[in-house]
Structures are given as structure tokens and as C-alpha cells.
Amino acid sequence: MLRQAGRDGRNGPTAMRRTLFWIGGILCGLGAAVIVASLVMKVLGVEASYNFGDPAKFQFVLVPFWQIGLGIAVLGGICLAVSSWLKSAGPT
């Protein structure tokens, strides 16, 4: 028999809150790691960036790693905020 998520034995806000909490924590940690890696590379003299353009058409849209890490961390923060909101708005 399959075990259902949540302490109350049903799928609901409790399972969603826990999932959002874990995803948010992982994304915040990953974003912070990318930002720290970007800072370390900058200290070493390497300017790391990712190309979102099409090199075959000579379109270069270079985005620095710290901006990518910041975007990931902000997304994780949003997940954590929604998790917190679900906890306060849930049934008592």
C-alpha cells in the first residue's frame, strides 16, 4: 500500500509546505554557491559568464555567473516565503 504524504495522512498543504521548504533551501544554497564561485573566479582574474545568444548567428548575450546565482537564490527565497505563508495560513 502506498504511504500518503503529510502528518494527517492525506496529501495537502503540509506536504506542499515541506516540498517548497526543501526546494527553496536547495535553491538558495545553490544560488549562494554560484555567487561565491563567481566571486572566487573574479579574484583569480577569470570573468565567468554564460552565453544566452546564438553563436552561429554571432549573437552574444553574456550574463555573469553572479547574476545567474542571484536569480536562483531569489527563486529559492520565493519558495521559502510561500512555504512560510502556507504554514501561517494553514488549518490549525
C-alpha atoms as a PDB file:
ATOM      1  CA  MET A   1       0.000   0.000   0.000  1.00  0.00           C
ATOM      2  CA  LEU A   2       1.293   3.462  -0.814  1.00  0.00           C
ATOM      3  CA  ARG A   3       2.030   5.799   2.045  1.00  0.00           C
ATOM      4  CA  GLN A   4       0.419   9.184   1.690  1.00  0.00           C
ATOM      5  CA  ALA A   5       2.263  12.417   2.348  1.00  0.00           C
ATOM      6  CA  GLY A   6       1.524  14.671   5.291  1.00  0.00           C
ATOM      7  CA  ARG A   7       1.181  14.064   9.019  1.00  0.00           C
ATOM      8  CA  ASP A   8      -2.561  13.916   8.814  1.00  0.00           C
ATOM      9  CA  GLY A   9      -2.465  11.046   6.301  1.00  0.00           C
ATOM     10  CA  ARG A  10      -3.607  12.966   3.260  1.00  0.00           C
ATOM     11  CA  ASN A  11      -1.975  14.995   0.530  1.00  0.00           C
ATOM     12  CA  GLY A  12      -2.438  18.644   1.256  1.00  0.00           C
ATOM     13  CA  PRO A  13      -0.837  21.870   2.376  1.00  0.00           C
ATOM     14  CA  THR A  14       1.509  20.093   4.793  1.00  0.00           C
ATOM     15  CA  ALA A  15       3.179  18.094   2.018  1.00  0.00           C
ATOM     16  CA  MET A  16       3.312  21.128  -0.266  1.00  0.00           C
ATOM     17  CA  ARG A  17       4.793  23.278   2.500  1.00  0.00           C
ATOM     18  CA  ARG A  18       7.547  20.752   3.191  1.00  0.00           C
ATOM     19  CA  THR A  19       8.305  20.354  -0.507  1.00  0.00           C
ATOM     20  CA  LEU A  20       8.514  24.114  -1.034  1.00  0.00           C
ATOM     21  CA  PHE A  21      10.716  24.450   2.046  1.00  0.00           C
ATOM     22  CA  TRP A  22      13.210  21.862   0.790  1.00  0.00           C
ATOM     23  CA  ILE A  23      13.234  23.165  -2.793  1.00  0.00           C
ATOM     24  CA  GLY A  24      13.656  26.731  -1.525  1.00  0.00           C
ATOM     25  CA  GLY A  25      16.526  25.755   0.758  1.00  0.00           C
ATOM     26  CA  ILE A  26      18.307  23.852  -2.001  1.00  0.00           C
ATOM     27  CA  LEU A  27      17.860  26.708  -4.496  1.00  0.00           C
ATOM     28  CA  CYS A  28      19.099  29.309  -2.002  1.00  0.00           C
ATOM     29  CA  GLY A  29      22.158  27.180  -1.248  1.00  0.00           C
ATOM     30  CA  LEU A  30      22.850  26.584  -4.941  1.00  0.00           C
ATOM     31  CA  GLY A  31      22.466  30.287  -5.721  1.00  0.00           C
ATOM     32  CA  ALA A  32      24.823  31.236  -2.896  1.00  0.00           C
ATOM     33  CA  ALA A  33      27.370  28.660  -4.110  1.00  0.00           C
ATOM     34  CA  VAL A  34      27.248  30.081  -7.653  1.00  0.00           C
ATOM     35  CA  ILE A  35      27.700  33.637  -6.325  1.00  0.00           C
ATOM     36  CA  VAL A  36      30.666  32.580  -4.156  1.00  0.00           C
ATOM     37  CA  ALA A  37      32.207  30.685  -7.091  1.00  0.00           C
ATOM     38  CA  SER A  38      31.805  33.768  -9.273  1.00  0.00           C
ATOM     39  CA  LEU A  39      33.493  35.948  -6.647  1.00  0.00           C
ATOM     40  CA  VAL A  40      36.380  33.479  -6.291  1.00  0.00           C
ATOM     41  CA  MET A  41      36.840  33.396 -10.061  1.00  0.00           C
ATOM     42  CA  LYS A  42      36.799  37.190 -10.174  1.00  0.00           C
ATOM     43  CA  VAL A  43      39.547  37.312  -7.515  1.00  0.00           C
ATOM     44  CA  LEU A  44      41.573  34.861  -9.619  1.00  0.00           C
ATOM     45  CA  GLY A  45      41.135  37.090 -12.679  1.00  0.00           C
ATOM     46  CA  VAL A  46      38.578  34.995 -14.567  1.00  0.00           C
ATOM     47  CA  GLU A  47      35.384  36.731 -15.643  1.00  0.00           C
ATOM     48  CA  ALA A  48      32.909  33.848 -15.976  1.00  0.00           C
ATOM     49  CA  SER A  49      29.674  34.316 -17.887  1.00  0.00           C
ATOM     50  CA  TYR A  50      27.122  32.272 -19.794  1.00  0.00           C
ATOM     51  CA  ASN A  51      26.115  33.000 -23.381  1.00  0.00           C
ATOM     52  CA  PHE A  52      22.338  33.047 -23.872  1.00  0.00           C
ATOM     53  CA  GLY A  53      22.719  34.139 -27.519  1.00  0.00           C
ATOM     54  CA  ASP A  54      23.277  32.099 -30.683  1.00  0.00           C
ATOM     55  CA  PRO A  55      26.999  31.964 -31.532  1.00  0.00           C
ATOM     56  CA  ALA A  56      26.214  30.643 -35.026  1.00  0.00           C
ATOM     57  CA  LYS A  57      24.484  33.954 -35.789  1.00  0.00           C
ATOM     58  CA  PHE A  58      27.121  35.971 -33.882  1.00  0.00           C
ATOM     59  CA  GLN A  59      24.583  36.906 -31.212  1.00  0.00           C
ATOM     60  CA  PHE A  60      26.263  37.158 -27.840  1.00  0.00           C
ATOM     61  CA  VAL A  61      24.204  37.843 -24.751  1.00  0.00           C
ATOM     62  CA  LEU A  62      26.682  37.263 -21.937  1.00  0.00           C
ATOM     63  CA  VAL A  63      25.266  37.052 -18.427  1.00  0.00           C
ATOM     64  CA  PRO A  64      27.720  36.951 -15.491  1.00  0.00           C
ATOM     65  CA  PHE A  65      27.522  33.967 -13.149  1.00  0.00           C
ATOM     66  CA  TRP A  66      26.721  36.144 -10.130  1.00  0.00           C
ATOM     67  CA  GLN A  67      23.515  37.318 -11.831  1.00  0.00           C
ATOM     68  CA  ILE A  68      22.506  33.737 -12.565  1.00  0.00           C
ATOM     69  CA  GLY A  69      23.233  32.790  -8.939  1.00  0.00           C
ATOM     70  CA  LEU A  70      21.234  35.761  -7.709  1.00  0.00           C
ATOM     71  CA  GLY A  71      18.260  34.701  -9.839  1.00  0.00           C
ATOM     72  CA  ILE A  72      18.437  31.161  -8.465  1.00  0.00           C
ATOM     73  CA  ALA A  73      18.683  32.452  -4.876  1.00  0.00           C
ATOM     74  CA  VAL A  74      15.709  34.808  -5.367  1.00  0.00           C
ATOM     75  CA  LEU A  75      13.639  31.913  -6.725  1.00  0.00           C
ATOM     76  CA  GLY A  76      14.593  29.880  -3.650  1.00  0.00           C
ATOM     77  CA  GLY A  77      13.626  32.799  -1.405  1.00  0.00           C
ATOM     78  CA  ILE A  78      10.228  32.973  -3.063  1.00  0.00           C
ATOM     79  CA  CYS A  79       9.721  29.237  -2.420  1.00  0.00           C
ATOM     80  CA  LEU A  80      10.674  29.721   1.241  1.00  0.00           C
ATOM     81  CA  ALA A  81       8.316  32.709   1.563  1.00  0.00           C
ATOM     82  CA  VAL A  82       5.412  30.750   0.071  1.00  0.00           C
ATOM     83  CA  SER A  83       6.215  27.839   2.401  1.00  0.00           C
ATOM     84  CA  SER A  84       6.089  30.192   5.360  1.00  0.00           C
ATOM     85  CA  TRP A  85       2.833  31.704   4.112  1.00  0.00           C
ATOM     86  CA  LEU A  86       1.285  28.220   3.771  1.00  0.00           C
ATOM     87  CA  LYS A  87       2.309  27.439   7.343  1.00  0.00           C
ATOM     88  CA  SER A  88       0.646  30.560   8.714  1.00  0.00           C
ATOM     89  CA  ALA A  89      -2.454  30.319   6.507  1.00  0.00           C
ATOM     90  CA  GLY A  90      -2.992  26.593   7.022  1.00  0.00           C
ATOM     91  CA  PRO A  91      -5.502  24.958   9.321  1.00  0.00           C
ATOM     92  CA  THR A  92      -4.596  24.877  12.987  1.00  0.00           C
END
